């Protein structure tokens, strides 16, 4: 099964207390099995999130079943994901260039070492 890499960015509200709380929600010991399952069920094989100040960077390895549209439809139909996303808006804010309701935006690759 082949995979491809997708990268997204999102911003957090620039508040140190909220950022620390957000990190705690994403600590391995606090992961929610129903959210992890929804991620994997959508075709995401692996996911990592990095932080710099209040900027988040997400790297996803996805299989051929994944499309952003399919993930969005699956999330909309999943009450657990809807509850999680509502909670995350307490911490997240739209990055520059986002439209109403958008928070994780795809990043454009501008350099790659090798092929």
PDB file of N, CA and C in Angstrom:
ATOM      1  N   UNK A   1       0.857  -1.185   0.000  1.00  0.00           N
ATOM      2  CA  UNK A   1       0.000   0.000   0.000  1.00  0.00           C
ATOM      3  C   UNK A   1       0.899   1.244   0.000  1.00  0.00           C
ATOM      4  N   UNK A   2       0.686   2.121  -0.938  1.00  0.00           N
ATOM      5  CA  UNK A   2       1.510   3.331  -1.003  1.00  0.00           C
ATOM      6  C   UNK A   2       0.892   4.443  -0.151  1.00  0.00           C
ATOM      7  N   UNK A   3       1.761   5.323   0.306  1.00  0.00           N
ATOM      8  CA  UNK A   3       1.302   6.452   1.109  1.00  0.00           C
ATOM      9  C   UNK A   3       1.850   7.734   0.522  1.00  0.00           C
ATOM     10  N   UNK A   4       1.231   8.830   0.901  1.00  0.00           N
ATOM     11  CA  UNK A   4       1.769  10.135   0.555  1.00  0.00           C
ATOM     12  C   UNK A   4       1.724  11.011   1.794  1.00  0.00           C
ATOM     13  N   UNK A   5       2.548  12.040   1.787  1.00  0.00           N
ATOM     14  CA  UNK A   5       2.662  12.940   2.929  1.00  0.00           C
ATOM     15  C   UNK A   5       1.900  14.223   2.649  1.00  0.00           C
ATOM     16  N   UNK A   6       1.126  14.656   3.645  1.00  0.00           N
ATOM     17  CA  UNK A   6       0.416  15.932   3.595  1.00  0.00           C
ATOM     18  C   UNK A   6       0.812  16.730   4.826  1.00  0.00           C
ATOM     19  N   UNK A   7       0.954  18.049   4.666  1.00  0.00           N
ATOM     20  CA  UNK A   7       1.350  18.912   5.770  1.00  0.00           C
ATOM     21  C   UNK A   7       0.344  20.047   5.917  1.00  0.00           C
ATOM     22  N   UNK A   8      -0.013  20.333   7.153  1.00  0.00           N
ATOM     23  CA  UNK A   8      -1.002  21.366   7.460  1.00  0.00           C
ATOM     24  C   UNK A   8      -0.476  22.268   8.568  1.00  0.00           C
ATOM     25  N   UNK A   9      -0.975  23.495   8.614  1.00  0.00           N
ATOM     26  CA  UNK A   9      -0.635  24.439   9.674  1.00  0.00           C
ATOM     27  C   UNK A   9      -1.916  24.967  10.313  1.00  0.00           C
ATOM     28  N   UNK A  10      -1.805  25.278  11.590  1.00  0.00           N
ATOM     29  CA  UNK A  10      -2.894  25.871  12.358  1.00  0.00           C
ATOM     30  C   UNK A  10      -2.253  26.737  13.428  1.00  0.00           C
ATOM     31  N   UNK A  11      -2.950  27.755  13.879  1.00  0.00           N
ATOM     32  CA  UNK A  11      -2.438  28.601  14.949  1.00  0.00           C
ATOM     33  C   UNK A  11      -3.240  28.375  16.222  1.00  0.00           C
ATOM     34  N   UNK A  12      -2.545  28.538  17.346  1.00  0.00           N
ATOM     35  CA  UNK A  12      -3.209  28.533  18.634  1.00  0.00           C
ATOM     36  C   UNK A  12      -3.375  29.981  19.091  1.00  0.00           C
ATOM     37  N   UNK A  13      -4.337  30.194  19.947  1.00  0.00           N
ATOM     38  CA  UNK A  13      -4.468  31.503  20.580  1.00  0.00           C
ATOM     39  C   UNK A  13      -3.176  31.731  21.366  1.00  0.00           C
ATOM     40  N   UNK A  14      -2.599  32.897  21.220  1.00  0.00           N
ATOM     41  CA  UNK A  14      -1.287  33.172  21.796  1.00  0.00           C
ATOM     42  C   UNK A  14      -1.398  33.473  23.291  1.00  0.00           C
ATOM     43  N   UNK A  15      -1.647  32.404  24.045  1.00  0.00           N
ATOM     44  CA  UNK A  15      -1.810  32.491  25.489  1.00  0.00           C
ATOM     45  C   UNK A  15      -1.066  31.300  26.089  1.00  0.00           C
ATOM     46  N   UNK A  16       0.003  31.515  26.849  1.00  0.00           N
ATOM     47  CA  UNK A  16       0.815  30.406  27.365  1.00  0.00           C
ATOM     48  C   UNK A  16       0.033  29.353  28.148  1.00  0.00           C
ATOM     49  N   UNK A  17      -0.946  29.770  28.933  1.00  0.00           N
ATOM     50  CA  UNK A  17      -1.738  28.803  29.702  1.00  0.00           C
ATOM     51  C   UNK A  17      -2.575  27.921  28.786  1.00  0.00           C
ATOM     52  N   UNK A  18      -3.205  28.530  27.776  1.00  0.00           N
ATOM     53  CA  UNK A  18      -3.996  27.749  26.826  1.00  0.00           C
ATOM     54  C   UNK A  18      -3.106  26.808  26.011  1.00  0.00           C
ATOM     55  N   UNK A  19      -1.930  27.271  25.628  1.00  0.00           N
ATOM     56  CA  UNK A  19      -1.006  26.431  24.853  1.00  0.00           C
ATOM     57  C   UNK A  19      -0.588  25.209  25.680  1.00  0.00           C
ATOM     58  N   UNK A  20      -0.283  25.409  26.948  1.00  0.00           N
ATOM     59  CA  UNK A  20       0.089  24.277  27.809  1.00  0.00           C
ATOM     60  C   UNK A  20      -1.073  23.298  27.969  1.00  0.00           C
ATOM     61  N   UNK A  21      -2.282  23.825  28.107  1.00  0.00           N
ATOM     62  CA  UNK A  21      -3.462  22.958  28.223  1.00  0.00           C
ATOM     63  C   UNK A  21      -3.670  22.170  26.930  1.00  0.00           C
ATOM     64  N   UNK A  22      -3.478  22.830  25.785  1.00  0.00           N
ATOM     65  CA  UNK A  22      -3.605  22.166  24.482  1.00  0.00           C
ATOM     66  C   UNK A  22      -2.596  21.022  24.375  1.00  0.00           C
ATOM     67  N   UNK A  23      -1.367  21.271  24.800  1.00  0.00           N
ATOM     68  CA  UNK A  23      -0.342  20.222  24.766  1.00  0.00           C
ATOM     69  C   UNK A  23      -0.758  19.023  25.613  1.00  0.00           C
ATOM     70  N   UNK A  24      -1.363  19.276  26.772  1.00  0.00           N
ATOM     71  CA  UNK A  24      -1.795  18.177  27.641  1.00  0.00           C
ATOM     72  C   UNK A  24      -2.857  17.319  26.960  1.00  0.00           C
ATOM     73  N   UNK A  25      -3.791  17.954  26.249  1.00  0.00           N
ATOM     74  CA  UNK A  25      -4.810  17.188  25.527  1.00  0.00           C
ATOM     75  C   UNK A  25      -4.182  16.260  24.482  1.00  0.00           C
ATOM     76  N   UNK A  26      -3.020  16.646  23.965  1.00  0.00           N
ATOM     77  CA  UNK A  26      -2.383  15.873  22.904  1.00  0.00           C
ATOM     78  C   UNK A  26      -1.285  14.941  23.405  1.00  0.00           C
ATOM     79  N   UNK A  27      -1.051  14.917  24.717  1.00  0.00           N
ATOM     80  CA  UNK A  27      -0.076  13.983  25.286  1.00  0.00           C
ATOM     81  C   UNK A  27      -0.598  12.552  25.108  1.00  0.00           C
ATOM     82  N   UNK A  28       0.338  11.633  24.837  1.00  0.00           N
ATOM     83  CA  UNK A  28      -0.037  10.247  24.546  1.00  0.00           C
ATOM     84  C   UNK A  28      -0.959   9.657  25.611  1.00  0.00           C
ATOM     85  N   UNK A  29      -0.668   9.936  26.885  1.00  0.00           N
ATOM     86  CA  UNK A  29      -1.483   9.343  27.959  1.00  0.00           C
ATOM     87  C   UNK A  29      -2.901   9.915  28.016  1.00  0.00           C
ATOM     88  N   UNK A  30      -3.141  11.022  27.324  1.00  0.00           N
ATOM     89  CA  UNK A  30      -4.474  11.628  27.305  1.00  0.00           C
ATOM     90  C   UNK A  30      -5.217  11.413  25.992  1.00  0.00           C
ATOM     91  N   UNK A  31      -4.634  10.618  25.094  1.00  0.00           N
ATOM     92  CA  UNK A  31      -5.286  10.439  23.787  1.00  0.00           C
ATOM     93  C   UNK A  31      -6.627   9.735  23.956  1.00  0.00           C
ATOM     94  N   UNK A  32      -7.557  10.114  23.121  1.00  0.00           N
ATOM     95  CA  UNK A  32      -8.904   9.554  23.162  1.00  0.00           C
ATOM     96  C   UNK A  32      -9.008   8.465  22.088  1.00  0.00           C
ATOM     97  N   UNK A  33      -9.278   7.224  22.485  1.00  0.00           N
ATOM     98  CA  UNK A  33      -9.323   6.121  21.514  1.00  0.00           C
ATOM     99  C   UNK A  33     -10.298   6.361  20.366  1.00  0.00           C
ATOM    100  N   UNK A  34     -11.437   7.006  20.653  1.00  0.00           N
ATOM    101  CA  UNK A  34     -12.428   7.231  19.595  1.00  0.00           C
ATOM    102  C   UNK A  34     -11.927   8.238  18.564  1.00  0.00           C
ATOM    103  N   UNK A  35     -11.099   9.185  18.991  1.00  0.00           N
ATOM    104  CA  UNK A  35     -10.525  10.158  18.053  1.00  0.00           C
ATOM    105  C   UNK A  35      -9.420   9.487  17.242  1.00  0.00           C
ATOM    106  N   UNK A  36      -8.575   8.705  17.902  1.00  0.00           N
ATOM    107  CA  UNK A  36      -7.525   7.959  17.195  1.00  0.00           C
ATOM    108  C   UNK A  36      -8.143   7.040  16.148  1.00  0.00           C
ATOM    109  N   UNK A  37      -9.226   6.360  16.510  1.00  0.00           N
ATOM    110  CA  UNK A  37      -9.902   5.458  15.560  1.00  0.00           C
ATOM    111  C   UNK A  37     -10.425   6.236  14.359  1.00  0.00           C
ATOM    112  N   UNK A  38     -11.027   7.385  14.594  1.00  0.00           N
ATOM    113  CA  UNK A  38     -11.574   8.169  13.476  1.00  0.00           C
ATOM    114  C   UNK A  38     -10.464   8.627  12.538  1.00  0.00           C
ATOM    115  N   UNK A  39      -9.308   8.955  13.094  1.00  0.00           N
ATOM    116  CA  UNK A  39      -8.163   9.368  12.273  1.00  0.00           C
ATOM    117  C   UNK A  39      -7.724   8.207  11.392  1.00  0.00           C
ATOM    118  N   UNK A  40      -7.527   7.047  12.000  1.00  0.00           N
ATOM    119  CA  UNK A  40      -7.063   5.867  11.245  1.00  0.00           C
ATOM    120  C   UNK A  40      -8.102   5.407  10.226  1.00  0.00           C
ATOM    121  N   UNK A  41      -9.383   5.443  10.603  1.00  0.00           N
ATOM    122  CA  UNK A  41     -10.446   5.009   9.691  1.00  0.00           C
ATOM    123  C   UNK A  41     -10.519   5.868   8.430  1.00  0.00           C
ATOM    124  N   UNK A  42     -10.033   7.110   8.508  1.00  0.00           N
ATOM    125  CA  UNK A  42     -10.109   8.015   7.355  1.00  0.00           C
ATOM    126  C   UNK A  42      -8.988   7.786   6.343  1.00  0.00           C
ATOM    127  N   UNK A  43      -8.053   6.897   6.664  1.00  0.00           N
ATOM    128  CA  UNK A  43      -6.948   6.636   5.749  1.00  0.00           C
ATOM    129  C   UNK A  43      -5.652   7.307   6.166  1.00  0.00           C
ATOM    130  N   UNK A  44      -5.622   7.877   7.365  1.00  0.00           N
ATOM    131  CA  UNK A  44      -4.387   8.464   7.884  1.00  0.00           C
ATOM    132  C   UNK A  44      -3.607   7.346   8.568  1.00  0.00           C
ATOM    133  N   UNK A  45      -2.425   7.062   8.031  1.00  0.00           N
ATOM    134  CA  UNK A  45      -1.596   5.973   8.516  1.00  0.00           C
ATOM    135  C   UNK A  45      -0.734   6.427   9.690  1.00  0.00           C
ATOM    136  N   UNK A  46      -0.265   7.673   9.635  1.00  0.00           N
ATOM    137  CA  UNK A  46       0.565   8.222  10.701  1.00  0.00           C
ATOM    138  C   UNK A  46       0.349   9.726  10.748  1.00  0.00           C
ATOM    139  N   UNK A  47       0.514  10.299  11.936  1.00  0.00           N
ATOM    140  CA  UNK A  47       0.319  11.738  12.104  1.00  0.00           C
ATOM    141  C   UNK A  47       1.250  12.225  13.205  1.00  0.00           C
ATOM    142  N   UNK A  48       1.878  13.370  12.956  1.00  0.00           N
ATOM    143  CA  UNK A  48       2.694  14.031  13.957  1.00  0.00           C
ATOM    144  C   UNK A  48       2.306  15.500  13.968  1.00  0.00           C
ATOM    145  N   UNK A  49       2.285  16.104  15.166  1.00  0.00           N
ATOM    146  CA  UNK A  49       2.024  17.536  15.295  1.00  0.00           C
ATOM    147  C   UNK A  49       3.195  18.161  16.050  1.00  0.00           C
ATOM    148  N   UNK A  50       3.724  19.245  15.490  1.00  0.00           N
ATOM    149  CA  UNK A  50       4.825  19.997  16.089  1.00  0.00           C
ATOM    150  C   UNK A  50       4.323  21.396  16.428  1.00  0.00           C
ATOM    151  N   UNK A  51       5.008  22.040  17.374  1.00  0.00           N
ATOM    152  CA  UNK A  51       4.609  23.386  17.781  1.00  0.00           C
ATOM    153  C   UNK A  51       5.834  24.291  17.851  1.00  0.00           C
ATOM    154  N   UNK A  52       5.644  25.527  17.429  1.00  0.00           N
ATOM    155  CA  UNK A  52       6.630  26.598  17.587  1.00  0.00           C
ATOM    156  C   UNK A  52       5.854  27.829  18.014  1.00  0.00           C
ATOM    157  N   UNK A  53       6.089  28.273  19.249  1.00  0.00           N
ATOM    158  CA  UNK A  53       5.318  29.389  19.817  1.00  0.00           C
ATOM    159  C   UNK A  53       3.836  29.009  19.742  1.00  0.00           C
ATOM    160  N   UNK A  54       3.027  29.729  18.938  1.00  0.00           N
ATOM    161  CA  UNK A  54       1.605  29.367  18.824  1.00  0.00           C
ATOM    162  C   UNK A  54       1.263  28.799  17.451  1.00  0.00           C
ATOM    163  N   UNK A  55       2.269  28.406  16.677  1.00  0.00           N
ATOM    164  CA  UNK A  55       2.045  27.820  15.349  1.00  0.00           C
ATOM    165  C   UNK A  55       2.166  26.299  15.426  1.00  0.00           C
ATOM    166  N   UNK A  56       1.158  25.605  14.924  1.00  0.00           N
ATOM    167  CA  UNK A  56       1.167  24.147  14.851  1.00  0.00           C
ATOM    168  C   UNK A  56       1.482  23.711  13.427  1.00  0.00           C
ATOM    169  N   UNK A  57       2.200  22.600  13.318  1.00  0.00           N
ATOM    170  CA  UNK A  57       2.546  22.012  12.039  1.00  0.00           C
ATOM    171  C   UNK A  57       2.230  20.525  12.127  1.00  0.00           C
ATOM    172  N   UNK A  58       1.379  20.028  11.228  1.00  0.00           N
ATOM    173  CA  UNK A  58       0.969  18.630  11.241  1.00  0.00           C
ATOM    174  C   UNK A  58       1.463  17.934   9.970  1.00  0.00           C
ATOM    175  N   UNK A  59       2.089  16.780  10.182  1.00  0.00           N
ATOM    176  CA  UNK A  59       2.531  15.935   9.071  1.00  0.00           C
ATOM    177  C   UNK A  59       1.673  14.674   9.113  1.00  0.00           C
ATOM    178  N   UNK A  60       1.049  14.363   7.983  1.00  0.00           N
ATOM    179  CA  UNK A  60       0.231  13.148   7.899  1.00  0.00           C
ATOM    180  C   UNK A  60       0.749  12.269   6.773  1.00  0.00           C
ATOM    181  N   UNK A  61       0.839  10.987   7.043  1.00  0.00           N
ATOM    182  CA  UNK A  61       1.062   9.991   6.007  1.00  0.00           C
ATOM    183  C   UNK A  61      -0.296   9.353   5.764  1.00  0.00           C
ATOM    184  N   UNK A  62      -0.769   9.417   4.514  1.00  0.00           N
ATOM    185  CA  UNK A  62      -2.109   8.921   4.200  1.00  0.00           C
ATOM    186  C   UNK A  62      -2.029   7.845   3.125  1.00  0.00           C
ATOM    187  N   UNK A  63      -3.000   6.930   3.152  1.00  0.00           N
ATOM    188  CA  UNK A  63      -3.059   5.914   2.104  1.00  0.00           C
ATOM    189  C   UNK A  63      -3.982   6.386   0.987  1.00  0.00           C
ATOM    190  N   UNK A  64      -4.188   5.519   0.004  1.00  0.00           N
ATOM    191  CA  UNK A  64      -4.959   5.935  -1.178  1.00  0.00           C
ATOM    192  C   UNK A  64      -6.450   6.123  -0.904  1.00  0.00           C
ATOM    193  N   UNK A  65      -6.926   5.699   0.276  1.00  0.00           N
ATOM    194  CA  UNK A  65      -8.343   5.901   0.597  1.00  0.00           C
ATOM    195  C   UNK A  65      -8.617   7.301   1.123  1.00  0.00           C
ATOM    196  N   UNK A  66      -7.559   8.029   1.509  1.00  0.00           N
ATOM    197  CA  UNK A  66      -7.742   9.338   2.133  1.00  0.00           C
ATOM    198  C   UNK A  66      -7.985  10.439   1.108  1.00  0.00           C
ATOM    199  N   UNK A  67      -9.006  11.245   1.387  1.00  0.00           N
ATOM    200  CA  UNK A  67      -9.173  12.540   0.718  1.00  0.00           C
ATOM    201  C   UNK A  67      -9.645  13.510   1.797  1.00  0.00           C
ATOM    202  N   UNK A  68      -9.265  14.784   1.698  1.00  0.00           N
ATOM    203  CA  UNK A  68      -9.755  15.749   2.689  1.00  0.00           C
ATOM    204  C   UNK A  68     -11.282  15.806   2.734  1.00  0.00           C
ATOM    205  N   UNK A  69     -11.919  15.657   1.582  1.00  0.00           N
ATOM    206  CA  UNK A  69     -13.390  15.713   1.518  1.00  0.00           C
ATOM    207  C   UNK A  69     -14.006  14.531   2.261  1.00  0.00           C
ATOM    208  N   UNK A  70     -13.444  13.328   2.054  1.00  0.00           N
ATOM    209  CA  UNK A  70     -13.952  12.135   2.746  1.00  0.00           C
ATOM    210  C   UNK A  70     -13.761  12.285   4.253  1.00  0.00           C
ATOM    211  N   UNK A  71     -12.601  12.775   4.681  1.00  0.00           N
ATOM    212  CA  UNK A  71     -12.347  12.980   6.107  1.00  0.00           C
ATOM    213  C   UNK A  71     -13.343  13.974   6.686  1.00  0.00           C
ATOM    214  N   UNK A  72     -13.606  15.049   5.977  1.00  0.00           N
ATOM    215  CA  UNK A  72     -14.555  16.063   6.440  1.00  0.00           C
ATOM    216  C   UNK A  72     -15.953  15.463   6.600  1.00  0.00           C
ATOM    217  N   UNK A  73     -16.376  14.630   5.644  1.00  0.00           N
ATOM    218  CA  UNK A  73     -17.698  13.987   5.727  1.00  0.00           C
ATOM    219  C   UNK A  73     -17.753  13.017   6.908  1.00  0.00           C
ATOM    220  N   UNK A  74     -16.683  12.230   7.092  1.00  0.00           N
ATOM    221  CA  UNK A  74     -16.639  11.287   8.208  1.00  0.00           C
ATOM    222  C   UNK A  74     -16.681  12.033   9.545  1.00  0.00           C
ATOM    223  N   UNK A  75     -15.928  13.128   9.640  1.00  0.00           N
ATOM    224  CA  UNK A  75     -15.904  13.919  10.876  1.00  0.00           C
ATOM    225  C   UNK A  75     -17.273  14.522  11.176  1.00  0.00           C
ATOM    226  N   UNK A  76     -17.946  15.011  10.145  1.00  0.00           N
ATOM    227  CA  UNK A  76     -19.260  15.632  10.329  1.00  0.00           C
ATOM    228  C   UNK A  76     -20.287  14.628  10.846  1.00  0.00           C
ATOM    229  N   UNK A  77     -20.102  13.347  10.510  1.00  0.00           N
ATOM    230  CA  UNK A  77     -21.048  12.305  10.915  1.00  0.00           C
ATOM    231  C   UNK A  77     -20.670  11.647  12.241  1.00  0.00           C
ATOM    232  N   UNK A  78     -19.569  12.082  12.853  1.00  0.00           N
ATOM    233  CA  UNK A  78     -19.080  11.437  14.070  1.00  0.00           C
ATOM    234  C   UNK A  78     -19.234  12.385  15.261  1.00  0.00           C
ATOM    235  N   UNK A  79     -20.172  12.097  16.176  1.00  0.00           N
ATOM    236  CA  UNK A  79     -20.397  12.983  17.321  1.00  0.00           C
ATOM    237  C   UNK A  79     -19.159  13.155  18.212  1.00  0.00           C
ATOM    238  N   UNK A  80     -18.347  12.099  18.351  1.00  0.00           N
ATOM    239  CA  UNK A  80     -17.124  12.207  19.166  1.00  0.00           C
ATOM    240  C   UNK A  80     -16.160  13.220  18.564  1.00  0.00           C
ATOM    241  N   UNK A  81     -16.004  13.181  17.240  1.00  0.00           N
ATOM    242  CA  UNK A  81     -15.110  14.124  16.566  1.00  0.00           C
ATOM    243  C   UNK A  81     -15.671  15.538  16.661  1.00  0.00           C
ATOM    244  N   UNK A  82     -16.971  15.682  16.514  1.00  0.00           N
ATOM    245  CA  UNK A  82     -17.585  17.012  16.614  1.00  0.00           C
ATOM    246  C   UNK A  82     -17.369  17.610  18.001  1.00  0.00           C
ATOM    247  N   UNK A  83     -17.501  16.788  19.034  1.00  0.00           N
ATOM    248  CA  UNK A  83     -17.265  17.256  20.403  1.00  0.00           C
ATOM    249  C   UNK A  83     -15.800  17.667  20.579  1.00  0.00           C
ATOM    250  N   UNK A  84     -14.871  16.858  20.048  1.00  0.00           N
ATOM    251  CA  UNK A  84     -13.439  17.154  20.124  1.00  0.00           C
ATOM    252  C   UNK A  84     -13.115  18.460  19.398  1.00  0.00           C
ATOM    253  N   UNK A  85     -13.638  18.616  18.189  1.00  0.00           N
ATOM    254  CA  UNK A  85     -13.354  19.822  17.404  1.00  0.00           C
ATOM    255  C   UNK A  85     -13.900  21.073  18.095  1.00  0.00           C
ATOM    256  N   UNK A  86     -15.068  20.951  18.701  1.00  0.00           N
ATOM    257  CA  UNK A  86     -15.637  22.088  19.425  1.00  0.00           C
ATOM    258  C   UNK A  86     -14.729  22.471  20.588  1.00  0.00           C
ATOM    259  N   UNK A  87     -14.224  21.475  21.305  1.00  0.00           N
ATOM    260  CA  UNK A  87     -13.305  21.724  22.415  1.00  0.00           C
ATOM    261  C   UNK A  87     -12.015  22.378  21.903  1.00  0.00           C
ATOM    262  N   UNK A  88     -11.481  21.911  20.778  1.00  0.00           N
ATOM    263  CA  UNK A  88     -10.210  22.424  20.264  1.00  0.00           C
ATOM    264  C   UNK A  88     -10.308  23.887  19.819  1.00  0.00           C
ATOM    265  N   UNK A  89     -11.510  24.350  19.438  1.00  0.00           N
ATOM    266  CA  UNK A  89     -11.665  25.762  19.065  1.00  0.00           C
ATOM    267  C   UNK A  89     -11.400  26.683  20.248  1.00  0.00           C
ATOM    268  N   UNK A  90     -11.438  26.157  21.467  1.00  0.00           N
ATOM    269  CA  UNK A  90     -11.086  26.961  22.650  1.00  0.00           C
ATOM    270  C   UNK A  90      -9.626  27.412  22.555  1.00  0.00           C
ATOM    271  N   UNK A  91      -8.801  26.590  21.890  1.00  0.00           N
ATOM    272  CA  UNK A  91      -7.362  26.821  21.825  1.00  0.00           C
ATOM    273  C   UNK A  91      -6.899  27.328  20.459  1.00  0.00           C
ATOM    274  N   UNK A  92      -7.583  26.900  19.414  1.00  0.00           N
ATOM    275  CA  UNK A  92      -7.113  27.168  18.055  1.00  0.00           C
ATOM    276  C   UNK A  92      -7.706  28.452  17.497  1.00  0.00           C
ATOM    277  N   UNK A  93      -6.963  29.029  16.558  1.00  0.00           N
ATOM    278  CA  UNK A  93      -7.486  30.155  15.798  1.00  0.00           C
ATOM    279  C   UNK A  93      -7.065  29.961  14.349  1.00  0.00           C
ATOM    280  N   UNK A  94      -7.801  30.559  13.475  1.00  0.00           N
ATOM    281  CA  UNK A  94      -7.522  30.414  12.054  1.00  0.00           C
ATOM    282  C   UNK A  94      -6.182  31.044  11.705  1.00  0.00           C
ATOM    283  N   UNK A  95      -5.372  30.337  10.917  1.00  0.00           N
ATOM    284  CA  UNK A  95      -4.107  30.927  10.472  1.00  0.00           C
ATOM    285  C   UNK A  95      -4.352  31.963   9.376  1.00  0.00           C
ATOM    286  N   UNK A  96      -3.330  32.752   9.033  1.00  0.00           N
ATOM    287  CA  UNK A  96      -3.496  33.743   7.963  1.00  0.00           C
ATOM    288  C   UNK A  96      -3.997  33.081   6.677  1.00  0.00           C
ATOM    289  N   UNK A  97      -4.951  33.723   6.037  1.00  0.00           N
ATOM    290  CA  UNK A  97      -5.490  33.224   4.773  1.00  0.00           C
ATOM    291  C   UNK A  97      -6.640  32.253   4.903  1.00  0.00           C
ATOM    292  N   UNK A  98      -7.030  31.925   6.124  1.00  0.00           N
ATOM    293  CA  UNK A  98      -8.122  30.972   6.322  1.00  0.00           C
ATOM    294  C   UNK A  98      -9.465  31.627   6.016  1.00  0.00           C
ATOM    295  N   UNK A  99     -10.378  30.797   5.515  1.00  0.00           N
ATOM    296  CA  UNK A  99     -11.760  31.237   5.308  1.00  0.00           C
ATOM    297  C   UNK A  99     -12.538  30.953   6.596  1.00  0.00           C
ATOM    298  N   UNK A 100     -13.738  31.463   6.686  1.00  0.00           N
ATOM    299  CA  UNK A 100     -14.600  31.255   7.849  1.00  0.00           C
ATOM    300  C   UNK A 100     -14.713  29.764   8.168  1.00  0.00           C
ATOM    301  N   UNK A 101     -14.429  29.397   9.424  1.00  0.00           N
ATOM    302  CA  UNK A 101     -14.561  28.018   9.860  1.00  0.00           C
ATOM    303  C   UNK A 101     -13.338  27.151   9.604  1.00  0.00           C
ATOM    304  N   UNK A 102     -12.358  27.628   8.857  1.00  0.00           N
ATOM    305  CA  UNK A 102     -11.152  26.840   8.591  1.00  0.00           C
ATOM    306  C   UNK A 102     -10.128  27.072   9.702  1.00  0.00           C
ATOM    307  N   UNK A 103      -9.396  26.009  10.040  1.00  0.00           N
ATOM    308  CA  UNK A 103      -8.312  26.189  10.996  1.00  0.00           C
ATOM    309  C   UNK A 103      -7.053  25.452  10.558  1.00  0.00           C
ATOM    310  N   UNK A 104      -7.142  24.227  10.127  1.00  0.00           N
ATOM    311  CA  UNK A 104      -5.979  23.512   9.597  1.00  0.00           C
ATOM    312  C   UNK A 104      -5.934  23.740   8.092  1.00  0.00           C
ATOM    313  N   UNK A 105      -4.884  24.407   7.626  1.00  0.00           N
ATOM    314  CA  UNK A 105      -4.749  24.703   6.202  1.00  0.00           C
ATOM    315  C   UNK A 105      -3.595  23.914   5.601  1.00  0.00           C
ATOM    316  N   UNK A 106      -3.792  23.400   4.370  1.00  0.00           N
ATOM    317  CA  UNK A 106      -2.704  22.661   3.721  1.00  0.00           C
ATOM    318  C   UNK A 106      -1.530  23.586   3.414  1.00  0.00           C
ATOM    319  N   UNK A 107      -0.339  23.041   3.598  1.00  0.00           N
ATOM    320  CA  UNK A 107       0.877  23.796   3.312  1.00  0.00           C
ATOM    321  C   UNK A 107       1.407  23.394   1.934  1.00  0.00           C
ATOM    322  N   UNK A 108       2.073  24.312   1.297  1.00  0.00           N
ATOM    323  CA  UNK A 108       2.666  24.074  -0.020  1.00  0.00           C
ATOM    324  C   UNK A 108       4.134  23.704   0.163  1.00  0.00           C
ATOM    325  N   UNK A 109       4.505  22.585  -0.412  1.00  0.00           N
ATOM    326  CA  UNK A 109       5.909  22.189  -0.359  1.00  0.00           C
ATOM    327  C   UNK A 109       6.704  23.056  -1.339  1.00  0.00           C
ATOM    328  N   UNK A 110       7.780  23.670  -0.864  1.00  0.00           N
ATOM    329  CA  UNK A 110       8.590  24.509  -1.742  1.00  0.00           C
ATOM    330  C   UNK A 110      10.013  23.989  -1.899  1.00  0.00           C
ATOM    331  N   UNK A 111      10.384  22.945  -1.150  1.00  0.00           N
ATOM    332  CA  UNK A 111      11.717  22.379  -1.273  1.00  0.00           C
ATOM    333  C   UNK A 111      11.693  20.925  -0.808  1.00  0.00           C
ATOM    334  N   UNK A 112      12.475  20.086  -1.483  1.00  0.00           N
ATOM    335  CA  UNK A 112      12.647  18.699  -1.073  1.00  0.00           C
ATOM    336  C   UNK A 112      14.058  18.274  -1.466  1.00  0.00           C
ATOM    337  N   UNK A 113      14.792  17.759  -0.511  1.00  0.00           N
ATOM    338  CA  UNK A 113      16.121  17.234  -0.770  1.00  0.00           C
ATOM    339  C   UNK A 113      15.975  15.868  -1.422  1.00  0.00           C
ATOM    340  N   UNK A 114      16.627  15.659  -2.503  1.00  0.00           N
ATOM    341  CA  UNK A 114      16.536  14.360  -3.184  1.00  0.00           C
ATOM    342  C   UNK A 114      15.279  14.267  -4.025  1.00  0.00           C
ATOM    343  N   UNK A 115      14.835  13.034  -4.271  1.00  0.00           N
ATOM    344  CA  UNK A 115      13.633  12.858  -5.104  1.00  0.00           C
ATOM    345  C   UNK A 115      12.560  12.099  -4.407  1.00  0.00           C
TER     346      UNK A 115
END
